[in-house]
Amino acid sequence: MHHDPLAHMRPLQDAEVPAAAAFLKAEVDWHAELDGMLGPEAVDELIAALDSVTSVAEFQEHISQPLVQVLLLHTAGEVQFHYPDSFDARGALFISNHRDIVLDPSLVNLALVQRGFPTTEIGIGSNLLRLPWVERLVRLNRSFIVQRGGTPREQLQRSAEVAAYVREAVLARASSVWLAQREGRAKDGDDRTSPALIRMLLDGGGCAAWDALRVHPVCLTYEWDPCDAMKVRELLLREAHDGAYTKGVGEDEMSMRLGLLGAKGAIHVRILPPVEWVEGEGRPAQVLAEEIDRRIHAGFTECTPHAWAAAQAAGLRWEGDAAAETACRERLNRVVEAVQRDTPFSEDAIVRTWCAMTAQPLLNARAAWANTMPPATAALRDSA
């Protein structure tokens, strides 16, 4: 029998779908989670669909994609997709900024499906899969598992496994793969690609190895961040404890829930042309990471909350629409209330942090549009 060295990290195969779907049906209280948004009849239909799916494609077509679309209908404004000329998702690697644990790759999938392409395979950290039903759900959605933690030797071995998996998917199977630009969301809003990720993907290769992957940067813009209060709270706690922060039990799961069910406003998904090999000063991984950053920053779509926050952070008077300013202040009031429930931070500190976090993508974009790069913000970017 053929031994598959990457079997432990692969998405579920079609033969495994019925058992995984049955597990999800038994383990999740779908009515408690979704009745308020979808209504009990629609939830009954979803539960019934779990009995009939026999393949990953059927699960995505009949359950996960319609569910994401309905959630967006209830929690987002207009969702716009932008594509490069002569776009072809087959045999491509998508590297995006990372705002939301679940929605980021889901939105990329919707962009592909709208153009008639298969969904992408998704790299997801093992730290997010503490609950067995979450692990089954993401693997049903073509996610492969990237192991986190371990000794330096184990980390090196896992990096080699991920690189091998990505190259096999993209080059041998002409599939597409989505990866976040770094481990964890950029909670301070400062999107920077990890050179370690690029080094892993190169795996000792050079120009030909890189160009073969057809690396498309993707810029995801959310008008509002449903998890903004959680992120502000964490940033302030890190600031108060010299960068240290310990997650509470269930915190990742709460972030996933908020990201799906919270208000997001307008959303833009901008798939950019592939980044070809770039020669420059410094190591290749650093040069390529910076080029991806420039593309992602320049692909940002300015929304009113980002502009208002940038004006506040710079001490400038808001010259825009009064109703927009009212919406931003109401949002801030809710963030202040949420953060102060279990922390001692002042309203001024919370407002300062929220404005800096919300403005940062726009500041990066303005710098990219002006062909310069700002220094990274002092606030720590950290794991999801």
Protein backbone atom coordinates (compact mmCIF):
# COMPACT_ATOMS: atom_id res chain seq x y z
CA MET A 1 0.00 0.00 0.00
CA HIS A 2 1.31 3.45 -0.91
CA HIS A 3 2.44 5.46 2.13
CA ASP A 4 1.48 9.13 2.01
CA PRO A 5 3.97 11.11 4.17
CA LEU A 6 1.63 14.11 4.24
CA ALA A 7 -1.58 12.24 5.16
CA HIS A 8 -1.59 13.68 8.70
CA MET A 9 -2.01 17.24 7.43
CA ARG A 10 -4.20 16.85 4.34
CA PRO A 11 -7.84 17.93 4.01
CA LEU A 12 -10.38 15.15 4.39
CA GLN A 13 -10.92 12.93 1.36
CA ASP A 14 -14.34 12.15 -0.12
CA ALA A 15 -14.52 8.74 1.54
CA GLU A 16 -14.19 10.43 4.95
CA VAL A 17 -16.96 12.99 4.38
CA PRO A 18 -20.07 11.06 5.58
CA ALA A 19 -18.52 10.21 8.94
CA ALA A 20 -17.26 13.78 9.44
CA ALA A 21 -20.66 15.22 8.51
CA ALA A 22 -22.39 12.86 10.95
CA PHE A 23 -19.96 13.95 13.67
CA LEU A 24 -20.75 17.63 13.01
CA LYS A 25 -24.47 16.95 13.13
CA ALA A 26 -24.14 15.25 16.52
CA GLU A 27 -21.63 17.60 18.14
CA VAL A 28 -22.91 21.08 17.19
CA ASP A 29 -26.15 22.66 18.37
CA TRP A 30 -26.90 24.24 15.01
CA HIS A 31 -30.22 25.71 16.12
CA ALA A 32 -28.62 27.48 19.08
CA GLU A 33 -25.88 28.87 16.85
CA LEU A 34 -27.88 29.91 13.79
CA ASP A 35 -31.64 30.13 14.48
CA GLY A 36 -31.43 33.81 15.36
CA MET A 37 -29.94 34.66 11.97
CA LEU A 38 -31.24 32.04 9.56
CA GLY A 39 -34.49 30.91 11.17
CA PRO A 40 -35.25 27.36 12.36
CA GLU A 41 -36.53 26.12 8.98
CA ALA A 42 -33.31 27.08 7.18
CA VAL A 43 -31.27 25.48 9.94
CA ASP A 44 -33.34 22.30 9.61
CA GLU A 45 -32.44 22.25 5.89
CA LEU A 46 -28.76 22.64 6.74
CA ILE A 47 -28.90 19.78 9.23
CA ALA A 48 -30.69 17.58 6.70
CA ALA A 49 -28.00 18.36 4.13
CA LEU A 50 -25.40 16.92 6.50
CA ASP A 51 -27.10 13.54 6.07
CA SER A 52 -26.77 13.56 2.30
CA VAL A 53 -23.34 14.94 1.42
CA THR A 54 -20.91 12.34 0.08
CA SER A 55 -17.96 14.46 -1.09
CA VAL A 56 -15.97 17.55 -0.15
CA ALA A 57 -17.30 19.34 -3.24
CA GLU A 58 -20.91 18.60 -2.20
CA PHE A 59 -20.23 19.79 1.36
CA GLN A 60 -18.85 23.09 0.10
CA GLU A 61 -21.51 23.58 -2.57
CA HIS A 62 -24.53 22.72 -0.43
CA ILE A 63 -23.45 23.73 3.09
CA SER A 64 -20.38 25.89 3.63
CA GLN A 65 -20.62 28.27 0.66
CA PRO A 66 -24.36 29.01 1.05
CA LEU A 67 -23.84 29.45 4.79
CA VAL A 68 -21.04 31.99 4.28
CA GLN A 69 -23.13 33.84 1.69
CA VAL A 70 -26.13 34.04 4.04
CA LEU A 71 -23.90 35.21 6.90
CA LEU A 72 -22.45 37.94 4.67
CA LEU A 73 -25.95 38.94 3.60
CA HIS A 74 -26.86 39.51 7.27
CA THR A 75 -23.56 40.93 8.58
CA ALA A 76 -21.88 42.77 5.69
CA GLY A 77 -22.66 45.52 3.24
CA GLU A 78 -21.58 45.29 -0.37
CA VAL A 79 -18.93 42.63 -1.06
CA GLN A 80 -16.80 43.43 -4.10
CA PHE A 81 -14.29 41.17 -5.84
CA HIS A 82 -11.43 42.54 -7.93
CA TYR A 83 -9.28 40.41 -10.26
CA PRO A 84 -6.12 40.92 -12.30
CA ASP A 85 -6.19 40.66 -16.09
CA SER A 86 -6.11 37.12 -17.52
CA PHE A 87 -6.74 35.66 -14.07
CA ASP A 88 -6.29 31.91 -13.73
CA ALA A 89 -6.54 30.35 -10.26
CA ARG A 90 -5.35 26.91 -11.34
CA GLY A 91 -1.91 26.11 -9.97
CA ALA A 92 -1.62 29.34 -7.97
CA LEU A 93 -0.68 30.32 -4.42
CA PHE A 94 -2.65 33.11 -2.72
CA ILE A 95 -1.01 35.02 0.13
CA SER A 96 -3.28 37.52 1.86
CA ASN A 97 -3.26 39.89 4.76
CA HIS A 98 -4.93 38.32 7.77
CA ARG A 99 -7.87 40.02 9.47
CA ASP A 100 -10.31 37.22 10.28
CA ILE A 101 -9.62 33.56 11.09
CA VAL A 102 -12.51 32.06 9.12
CA LEU A 103 -13.70 34.73 6.71
CA ASP A 104 -10.38 35.59 5.03
CA PRO A 105 -10.01 32.27 3.18
CA SER A 106 -13.80 31.97 2.78
CA LEU A 107 -13.86 35.26 0.88
CA VAL A 108 -11.01 34.13 -1.37
CA ASN A 109 -13.01 30.97 -2.06
CA LEU A 110 -16.08 33.01 -3.01
CA ALA A 111 -13.92 35.08 -5.36
CA LEU A 112 -12.68 31.92 -7.09
CA VAL A 113 -16.12 30.33 -7.33
CA GLN A 114 -17.52 33.50 -8.91
CA ARG A 115 -14.98 33.10 -11.71
CA GLY A 116 -15.77 29.40 -12.14
CA PHE A 117 -12.67 28.01 -10.42
CA PRO A 118 -12.53 25.30 -7.74
CA THR A 119 -12.10 26.39 -4.14
CA THR A 120 -8.62 26.75 -2.72
CA GLU A 121 -6.85 24.59 -0.17
CA ILE A 122 -6.40 26.50 3.07
CA GLY A 123 -3.47 26.45 5.47
CA ILE A 124 -4.69 26.70 9.08
CA GLY A 125 -2.72 26.58 12.33
CA SER A 126 -3.22 23.64 14.67
CA ASN A 127 -3.59 26.09 17.58
CA LEU A 128 -7.06 26.98 16.25
CA LEU A 129 -8.30 23.41 16.26
CA ARG A 130 -8.66 22.60 19.94
CA LEU A 131 -12.29 21.54 19.52
CA PRO A 132 -12.74 18.31 17.55
CA TRP A 133 -15.77 19.63 15.64
CA VAL A 134 -13.81 22.70 14.49
CA GLU A 135 -11.03 20.42 13.21
CA ARG A 136 -13.55 18.31 11.25
CA LEU A 137 -15.27 21.38 9.86
CA VAL A 138 -12.14 23.05 8.52
CA ARG A 139 -10.78 19.82 7.04
CA LEU A 140 -14.11 19.31 5.27
CA ASN A 141 -13.52 22.76 3.78
CA ARG A 142 -10.24 21.69 2.16
CA SER A 143 -8.01 22.96 4.97
CA PHE A 144 -4.63 21.38 5.62
CA ILE A 145 -3.13 21.56 9.09
CA VAL A 146 0.00 23.58 9.84
CA GLN A 147 1.38 22.38 13.17
CA ARG A 148 2.36 25.17 15.59
CA GLY A 149 4.83 25.06 18.47
CA GLY A 150 7.40 22.38 19.14
CA THR A 151 11.19 22.40 19.33
CA PRO A 152 13.29 24.27 16.73
CA ARG A 153 14.03 20.95 15.04
CA GLU A 154 10.33 20.04 14.93
CA GLN A 155 9.47 23.48 13.56
CA LEU A 156 12.05 23.06 10.81
CA GLN A 157 10.65 19.66 9.91
CA ARG A 158 7.09 21.03 9.83
CA SER A 159 8.15 23.92 7.61
CA ALA A 160 9.61 21.43 5.17
CA GLU A 161 6.34 19.46 5.24
CA VAL A 162 4.24 22.55 4.52
CA ALA A 163 6.56 23.58 1.68
CA ALA A 164 6.34 20.07 0.21
CA TYR A 165 2.55 20.05 0.53
CA VAL A 166 2.13 23.47 -1.11
CA ARG A 167 4.43 22.58 -4.01
CA GLU A 168 2.66 19.26 -4.53
CA ALA A 169 -0.77 20.94 -4.52
CA VAL A 170 0.18 23.80 -6.82
CA LEU A 171 2.66 22.15 -9.18
CA ALA A 172 1.64 18.48 -9.28
CA ARG A 173 -2.15 18.80 -8.91
CA ALA A 174 -2.65 22.31 -10.37
CA SER A 175 -4.72 23.13 -7.29
CA SER A 176 -4.66 26.50 -5.57
CA VAL A 177 -3.56 27.19 -2.00
CA TRP A 178 -4.30 30.04 0.42
CA LEU A 179 -1.86 31.08 3.15
CA ALA A 180 -1.93 34.04 5.53
CA GLN A 181 1.06 36.34 5.08
CA ARG A 182 2.22 35.59 8.62
CA GLU A 183 1.39 33.36 11.56
CA GLY A 184 -1.58 34.98 13.23
CA ARG A 185 -3.69 38.02 12.47
CA ALA A 186 -2.10 41.48 12.36
CA LYS A 187 -4.06 42.73 15.31
CA ASP A 188 -2.50 46.20 15.16
CA GLY A 189 -3.51 46.51 11.50
CA ASP A 190 0.09 46.55 10.25
CA ASP A 191 0.17 43.92 7.50
CA ARG A 192 3.70 42.53 7.00
CA THR A 193 4.65 39.29 5.29
CA SER A 194 6.89 36.99 7.29
CA PRO A 195 10.23 36.39 5.55
CA ALA A 196 10.23 32.98 7.28
CA LEU A 197 7.10 32.07 5.28
CA ILE A 198 8.80 33.03 2.02
CA ARG A 199 11.96 31.16 3.03
CA MET A 200 9.84 28.09 3.72
CA LEU A 201 8.14 28.31 0.32
CA LEU A 202 11.46 28.74 -1.49
CA ASP A 203 12.83 25.67 0.30
CA GLY A 204 16.33 26.37 -0.97
CA GLY A 205 15.21 27.20 -4.51
CA GLY A 206 15.58 30.42 -6.44
CA CYS A 207 13.89 32.29 -9.26
CA ALA A 208 12.46 29.27 -11.09
CA ALA A 209 11.12 27.68 -7.88
CA TRP A 210 9.41 30.92 -6.85
CA ASP A 211 7.92 31.86 -10.21
CA ALA A 212 6.50 28.35 -10.65
CA LEU A 213 4.23 28.91 -7.62
CA ARG A 214 2.53 31.93 -9.24
CA VAL A 215 2.17 33.81 -5.95
CA HIS A 216 -0.84 36.16 -6.02
CA PRO A 217 -0.98 38.67 -3.14
CA VAL A 218 -4.55 39.29 -1.94
CA CYS A 219 -5.67 42.42 -0.12
CA LEU A 220 -8.73 42.02 2.09
CA THR A 221 -10.42 45.21 3.27
CA TYR A 222 -13.18 45.18 5.92
CA GLU A 223 -14.95 48.46 6.66
CA TRP A 224 -15.49 47.37 10.28
CA ASP A 225 -13.63 44.73 12.29
CA PRO A 226 -16.07 42.62 14.32
CA CYS A 227 -13.23 41.61 16.65
CA ASP A 228 -11.92 45.14 17.22
CA ALA A 229 -12.69 45.22 20.96
CA MET A 230 -10.93 41.89 21.54
CA LYS A 231 -7.90 43.09 19.59
CA VAL A 232 -7.73 46.43 21.43
CA ARG A 233 -7.95 44.61 24.75
CA GLU A 234 -5.10 42.30 23.81
CA LEU A 235 -2.91 45.11 22.47
CA LEU A 236 -3.33 47.10 25.68
CA LEU A 237 -2.63 44.07 27.89
CA ARG A 238 0.52 43.36 25.90
CA GLU A 239 1.58 46.97 26.20
CA ALA A 240 1.06 46.82 29.97
CA HIS A 241 2.98 43.54 30.38
CA ASP A 242 6.05 44.04 28.17
CA GLY A 243 4.55 42.13 25.26
CA ALA A 244 3.33 39.15 27.29
CA TYR A 245 -0.22 37.90 26.82
CA THR A 246 -1.98 34.68 27.76
CA LYS A 247 -5.12 33.79 25.89
CA GLY A 248 -8.18 32.82 27.82
CA VAL A 249 -9.92 29.48 27.35
CA GLY A 250 -12.07 29.60 24.22
CA GLU A 251 -10.69 32.94 23.04
CA ASP A 252 -9.87 31.73 19.52
CA GLU A 253 -13.31 30.17 19.20
CA MET A 254 -14.89 33.45 20.34
CA SER A 255 -12.89 35.32 17.69
CA MET A 256 -14.12 32.91 15.02
CA ARG A 257 -17.72 33.33 16.14
CA LEU A 258 -17.50 37.13 16.30
CA GLY A 259 -15.80 37.29 12.92
CA LEU A 260 -18.62 35.34 11.32
CA LEU A 261 -21.60 36.89 13.13
CA GLY A 262 -20.43 40.46 13.78
CA ALA A 263 -21.09 43.48 11.54
CA LYS A 264 -18.41 44.04 8.90
CA GLY A 265 -19.75 46.75 6.63
CA ALA A 266 -18.36 46.87 3.09
CA ILE A 267 -15.80 44.24 2.09
CA HIS A 268 -13.30 44.31 -0.77
CA VAL A 269 -11.37 41.25 -1.96
CA ARG A 270 -8.61 42.33 -4.33
CA ILE A 271 -6.59 39.56 -6.00
CA LEU A 272 -3.40 41.05 -7.41
CA PRO A 273 -1.11 39.88 -10.23
CA PRO A 274 1.55 37.29 -9.35
CA VAL A 275 4.75 38.54 -7.75
CA GLU A 276 7.65 37.41 -9.90
CA TRP A 277 11.18 36.96 -8.58
CA VAL A 278 12.67 40.28 -7.52
CA GLU A 279 16.35 41.10 -7.18
CA GLY A 280 17.20 43.59 -4.48
CA GLU A 281 19.33 44.39 -1.47
CA GLY A 282 19.10 41.78 1.24
CA ARG A 283 18.18 38.12 1.32
CA PRO A 284 15.70 36.90 -1.32
CA ALA A 285 13.04 36.02 1.28
CA GLN A 286 13.14 39.54 2.73
CA VAL A 287 13.06 41.19 -0.71
CA LEU A 288 10.09 39.08 -1.84
CA ALA A 289 8.23 39.63 1.46
CA GLU A 290 8.61 43.40 1.08
CA GLU A 291 7.37 43.26 -2.50
CA ILE A 292 4.28 41.33 -1.40
CA ASP A 293 3.73 43.95 1.31
CA ARG A 294 3.90 46.77 -1.23
CA ARG A 295 1.30 45.05 -3.41
CA ILE A 296 -1.06 44.31 -0.51
CA HIS A 297 -0.74 47.80 0.95
CA ALA A 298 -1.39 49.42 -2.44
CA GLY A 299 -4.42 47.19 -2.95
CA PHE A 300 -6.21 48.51 0.14
CA THR A 301 -9.62 50.16 -0.35
CA GLU A 302 -10.15 53.21 1.86
CA CYS A 303 -13.33 53.19 3.96
CA THR A 304 -14.64 55.96 6.19
CA PRO A 305 -13.69 54.41 9.58
CA HIS A 306 -10.04 54.13 8.47
CA ALA A 307 -9.96 57.76 7.34
CA TRP A 308 -11.71 58.98 10.49
CA ALA A 309 -9.35 56.99 12.72
CA ALA A 310 -6.32 58.33 10.81
CA ALA A 311 -7.53 61.90 11.36
CA GLN A 312 -8.06 61.26 15.07
CA ALA A 313 -4.65 59.60 15.45
CA ALA A 314 -2.99 62.61 13.78
CA GLY A 315 -4.93 65.12 15.88
CA LEU A 316 -6.70 66.52 12.80
CA ARG A 317 -10.21 67.84 12.56
CA TRP A 318 -12.60 65.54 10.69
CA GLU A 319 -13.73 67.22 7.50
CA GLY A 320 -15.93 64.39 6.28
CA ASP A 321 -19.57 63.45 6.69
CA ALA A 322 -21.05 64.13 10.13
CA ALA A 323 -23.11 60.94 10.08
CA ALA A 324 -19.95 58.92 9.43
CA GLU A 325 -18.27 60.52 12.42
CA THR A 326 -21.28 59.70 14.58
CA ALA A 327 -21.09 56.05 13.48
CA CYS A 328 -17.38 55.91 14.36
CA ARG A 329 -17.93 57.45 17.79
CA GLU A 330 -20.80 55.06 18.52
CA ARG A 331 -18.58 52.17 17.52
CA LEU A 332 -15.82 53.45 19.80
CA ASN A 333 -18.24 53.76 22.70
CA ARG A 334 -19.11 50.07 22.34
CA VAL A 335 -15.43 49.13 22.18
CA VAL A 336 -14.65 51.17 25.30
CA GLU A 337 -17.53 49.51 27.16
CA ALA A 338 -16.41 46.01 26.10
CA VAL A 339 -12.74 46.52 26.99
CA GLN A 340 -13.48 48.09 30.37
CA ARG A 341 -15.63 45.14 31.48
CA ASP A 342 -12.58 43.29 32.75
CA THR A 343 -9.61 45.66 32.39
CA PRO A 344 -8.58 48.92 34.12
CA PHE A 345 -7.65 50.80 30.93
CA SER A 346 -8.81 54.39 30.49
CA GLU A 347 -11.12 55.55 27.73
CA ASP A 348 -8.28 57.63 26.28
CA ALA A 349 -5.99 54.58 26.04
CA ILE A 350 -8.70 52.50 24.39
CA VAL A 351 -9.57 55.26 21.90
CA ARG A 352 -5.89 55.80 21.08
CA THR A 353 -5.32 52.10 20.45
CA TRP A 354 -8.47 51.64 18.37
CA CYS A 355 -7.65 54.65 16.21
CA ALA A 356 -4.05 53.50 15.64
CA MET A 357 -5.15 49.95 14.80
CA THR A 358 -7.93 51.07 12.46
CA ALA A 359 -5.84 53.73 10.73
CA GLN A 360 -2.73 51.60 10.15
CA PRO A 361 -3.85 49.84 6.93
CA LEU A 362 -4.71 53.22 5.41
CA LEU A 363 -1.36 54.70 6.50
CA ASN A 364 0.41 51.74 4.87
CA ALA A 365 -1.68 52.21 1.74
CA ARG A 366 -0.88 55.93 1.51
CA ALA A 367 2.80 55.15 1.87
CA ALA A 368 2.60 52.48 -0.84
CA TRP A 369 0.68 54.83 -3.13
CA ALA A 370 3.47 57.37 -2.58
CA ASN A 371 6.05 54.63 -3.28
CA THR A 372 7.53 54.72 0.20
CA MET A 373 7.29 52.36 3.13
CA PRO A 374 6.58 53.52 6.70
CA PRO A 375 8.27 51.90 9.67
CA ALA A 376 6.31 49.16 11.36
CA THR A 377 4.17 50.37 14.23
CA ALA A 378 5.41 49.78 17.72
CA ALA A 379 2.44 47.65 18.73
CA LEU A 380 3.23 43.96 18.63
CA ARG A 381 1.85 41.78 15.86
CA ASP A 382 1.15 38.36 17.22
CA SER A 383 -0.31 34.95 16.71
CA ALA A 384 -3.99 34.45 16.10
